[in-house]
């Protein structure tokens, strides 16, 4: 089962979150994980993937321009239905507590829905998420006044999402 994690990162926060997501996915037997920045990710390889997880920093409550430019290359995949029934999940980081995490994740999910993908979120029964409430995927705050690139809670949420996507992808692949 192939899982692609694509990210745009400027200060290293989103790259660290992407790495924790990849780490969580790799914990599931049979998962082959491809961790790639938008600069190296090839949209032409996406039809070979079973799951696609993408994320970016939130810019004013929406997708960063780097990831948006990459997503805009997916038109031919949409026209040919190449991503229908692929498992999808999203993640983002923001600098402030109310910096648009929820709206950024909803904006990240929208292109997946247009592609016909099956979206996987993060339920509240995961201890690190019980009171955090990052249900659309993983959205974490990385304050600019902190030397910490990613909190341990953020890393745990990332690993949980990666593992959940891999487990659901494996189950989904067994049914199809």
Protein backbone atom coordinates (compact mmCIF):
# COMPACT_ATOMS: atom_id res chain seq x y z
CA UNK A 1 0.00 0.00 0.00
CA UNK A 2 1.50 3.30 -1.12
CA UNK A 3 0.97 6.52 0.82
CA UNK A 4 2.20 9.89 -0.40
CA UNK A 5 2.67 12.77 2.07
CA UNK A 6 3.11 16.09 0.26
CA UNK A 7 3.84 19.32 2.09
CA UNK A 8 4.78 22.95 1.65
CA UNK A 9 6.87 24.39 4.47
CA UNK A 10 8.57 27.70 5.06
CA UNK A 11 9.87 27.67 8.63
CA UNK A 12 10.20 23.92 9.10
CA UNK A 13 7.02 23.52 11.17
CA UNK A 14 4.92 21.94 8.45
CA UNK A 15 7.84 19.75 7.33
CA UNK A 16 8.17 18.47 10.92
CA UNK A 17 4.44 17.72 11.06
CA UNK A 18 4.63 15.95 7.68
CA UNK A 19 7.52 13.82 8.97
CA UNK A 20 5.50 12.79 12.04
CA UNK A 21 2.57 11.84 9.78
CA UNK A 22 4.90 9.74 7.62
CA UNK A 23 6.32 8.13 10.77
CA UNK A 24 2.82 7.17 11.93
CA UNK A 25 1.92 5.69 8.53
CA UNK A 26 5.15 3.67 8.48
CA UNK A 27 4.12 2.00 11.76
CA UNK A 28 1.46 0.05 9.84
CA UNK A 29 2.64 -3.17 8.25
CA UNK A 30 2.68 -3.01 4.46
CA UNK A 31 2.80 0.78 4.24
CA UNK A 32 5.27 2.27 1.80
CA UNK A 33 5.45 6.00 2.51
CA UNK A 34 6.71 8.72 0.20
CA UNK A 35 7.44 12.00 2.02
CA UNK A 36 7.90 14.84 -0.49
CA UNK A 37 7.90 18.61 -0.53
CA UNK A 38 5.88 20.36 -3.24
CA UNK A 39 9.15 21.09 -5.02
CA UNK A 40 9.91 17.38 -5.47
CA UNK A 41 6.43 15.78 -5.59
CA UNK A 42 5.30 14.66 -9.04
CA UNK A 43 1.55 14.84 -9.66
CA UNK A 44 1.93 12.20 -12.39
CA UNK A 45 2.80 9.61 -9.72
CA UNK A 46 -0.37 10.17 -7.69
CA UNK A 47 -2.51 7.60 -9.57
CA UNK A 48 -0.07 4.93 -8.30
CA UNK A 49 -0.79 5.90 -4.67
CA UNK A 50 -3.45 4.35 -2.48
CA UNK A 51 -3.56 7.35 -0.13
CA UNK A 52 -2.54 10.98 -0.44
CA UNK A 53 -2.01 13.29 2.51
CA UNK A 54 -1.20 16.92 1.84
CA UNK A 55 -0.62 19.95 3.98
CA UNK A 56 0.76 23.44 4.26
CA UNK A 57 1.09 26.39 6.56
CA UNK A 58 -2.15 28.34 6.83
CA UNK A 59 -1.92 31.71 5.12
CA UNK A 60 -4.73 33.99 6.22
CA UNK A 61 -7.01 30.97 6.69
CA UNK A 62 -6.25 29.24 3.43
CA UNK A 63 -3.72 27.09 1.55
CA UNK A 64 -0.18 28.38 1.03
CA UNK A 65 0.61 29.47 -2.53
CA UNK A 66 3.22 26.72 -2.89
CA UNK A 67 0.79 23.89 -2.20
CA UNK A 68 -2.04 25.62 -4.09
CA UNK A 69 0.16 25.85 -7.20
CA UNK A 70 0.90 22.12 -6.88
CA UNK A 71 -2.79 21.25 -6.38
CA UNK A 72 -3.70 23.32 -9.44
CA UNK A 73 -1.67 20.84 -11.54
CA UNK A 74 -4.20 18.08 -10.76
CA UNK A 75 -6.72 19.11 -13.43
CA UNK A 76 -5.90 16.30 -15.84
CA UNK A 77 -6.24 13.76 -12.99
CA UNK A 78 -9.71 15.15 -12.27
CA UNK A 79 -10.67 15.03 -15.96
CA UNK A 80 -9.66 11.36 -16.15
CA UNK A 81 -10.98 10.39 -12.70
CA UNK A 82 -7.55 9.11 -11.65
CA UNK A 83 -7.93 9.91 -7.93
CA UNK A 84 -11.47 8.65 -7.40
CA UNK A 85 -11.64 6.45 -4.28
CA UNK A 86 -8.11 7.28 -3.16
CA UNK A 87 -7.90 7.86 0.58
CA UNK A 88 -7.06 11.47 1.44
CA UNK A 89 -6.17 13.45 4.57
CA UNK A 90 -4.91 16.95 5.33
CA UNK A 91 -2.76 18.87 7.80
CA UNK A 92 -1.64 22.43 8.46
CA UNK A 93 0.26 24.65 10.84
CA UNK A 94 -0.39 28.24 11.85
CA UNK A 95 1.60 30.75 13.87
CA UNK A 96 -1.29 31.90 16.06
CA UNK A 97 -3.99 30.09 18.02
CA UNK A 98 -6.79 31.55 15.93
CA UNK A 99 -4.79 31.73 12.72
CA UNK A 100 -7.28 29.85 10.55
CA UNK A 101 -6.47 26.19 11.20
CA UNK A 102 -10.04 25.01 10.62
CA UNK A 103 -10.63 27.06 7.49
CA UNK A 104 -7.25 26.06 6.06
CA UNK A 105 -8.03 22.37 6.55
CA UNK A 106 -11.46 22.77 4.95
CA UNK A 107 -9.79 24.51 2.01
CA UNK A 108 -7.30 21.62 1.79
CA UNK A 109 -10.13 19.05 1.80
CA UNK A 110 -12.13 20.74 -0.99
CA UNK A 111 -9.82 19.72 -3.90
CA UNK A 112 -9.84 16.14 -2.57
CA UNK A 113 -13.63 16.08 -2.68
CA UNK A 114 -13.54 17.42 -6.25
CA UNK A 115 -11.22 14.53 -7.11
CA UNK A 116 -13.64 11.98 -5.63
CA UNK A 117 -11.31 11.02 -2.80
CA UNK A 118 -12.43 9.48 0.50
CA UNK A 119 -11.49 11.83 3.35
CA UNK A 120 -10.07 10.57 6.64
CA UNK A 121 -10.13 12.86 9.66
CA UNK A 122 -8.91 12.45 13.20
CA UNK A 123 -11.49 11.35 15.80
CA UNK A 124 -11.72 12.66 19.35
CA UNK A 125 -11.01 9.26 20.94
CA UNK A 126 -7.29 9.78 20.35
CA UNK A 127 -6.01 11.08 23.72
CA UNK A 128 -3.98 13.95 22.24
CA UNK A 129 -7.02 15.03 20.23
CA UNK A 130 -9.71 14.61 22.90
CA UNK A 131 -9.68 18.25 23.96
CA UNK A 132 -7.67 19.66 21.04
CA UNK A 133 -10.41 19.11 18.47
CA UNK A 134 -8.46 18.76 15.23
CA UNK A 135 -11.13 16.62 13.57
CA UNK A 136 -10.65 17.56 9.90
CA UNK A 137 -7.06 16.32 9.92
CA UNK A 138 -4.18 17.67 11.94
CA UNK A 139 -3.91 21.39 12.50
CA UNK A 140 -1.40 22.65 15.03
CA UNK A 141 -0.27 26.03 16.26
CA UNK A 142 3.47 26.69 16.14
CA UNK A 143 3.89 30.02 17.94
CA UNK A 144 6.47 32.38 16.49
CA UNK A 145 7.76 33.18 19.98
CA UNK A 146 8.74 29.55 20.61
CA UNK A 147 12.00 27.82 19.76
CA UNK A 148 10.11 24.53 19.44
CA UNK A 149 9.52 23.58 15.79
CA UNK A 150 6.71 21.16 16.66
CA UNK A 151 5.28 20.31 20.08
CA UNK A 152 5.19 16.70 21.25
CA UNK A 153 1.38 16.91 21.18
CA UNK A 154 1.57 18.08 17.55
CA UNK A 155 3.93 15.23 16.68
CA UNK A 156 1.63 12.72 18.44
CA UNK A 157 -1.35 14.05 16.47
CA UNK A 158 0.67 13.71 13.26
CA UNK A 159 1.64 10.11 14.03
CA UNK A 160 -1.99 9.33 14.90
CA UNK A 161 -3.24 10.70 11.58
CA UNK A 162 -0.59 8.85 9.59
CA UNK A 163 -1.36 5.58 11.34
CA UNK A 164 -5.11 6.05 10.92
CA UNK A 165 -4.79 6.79 7.20
CA UNK A 166 -2.61 3.70 6.71
CA UNK A 167 -5.00 1.45 8.66
CA UNK A 168 -8.06 2.73 6.79
CA UNK A 169 -6.26 2.51 3.45
CA UNK A 170 -5.32 -1.10 4.16
CA UNK A 171 -8.91 -1.93 5.12
CA UNK A 172 -10.29 -0.05 2.10
CA UNK A 173 -7.91 -1.87 -0.25
CA UNK A 174 -9.11 -5.24 1.07
CA UNK A 175 -12.71 -4.39 0.18
CA UNK A 176 -12.08 -3.10 -3.34
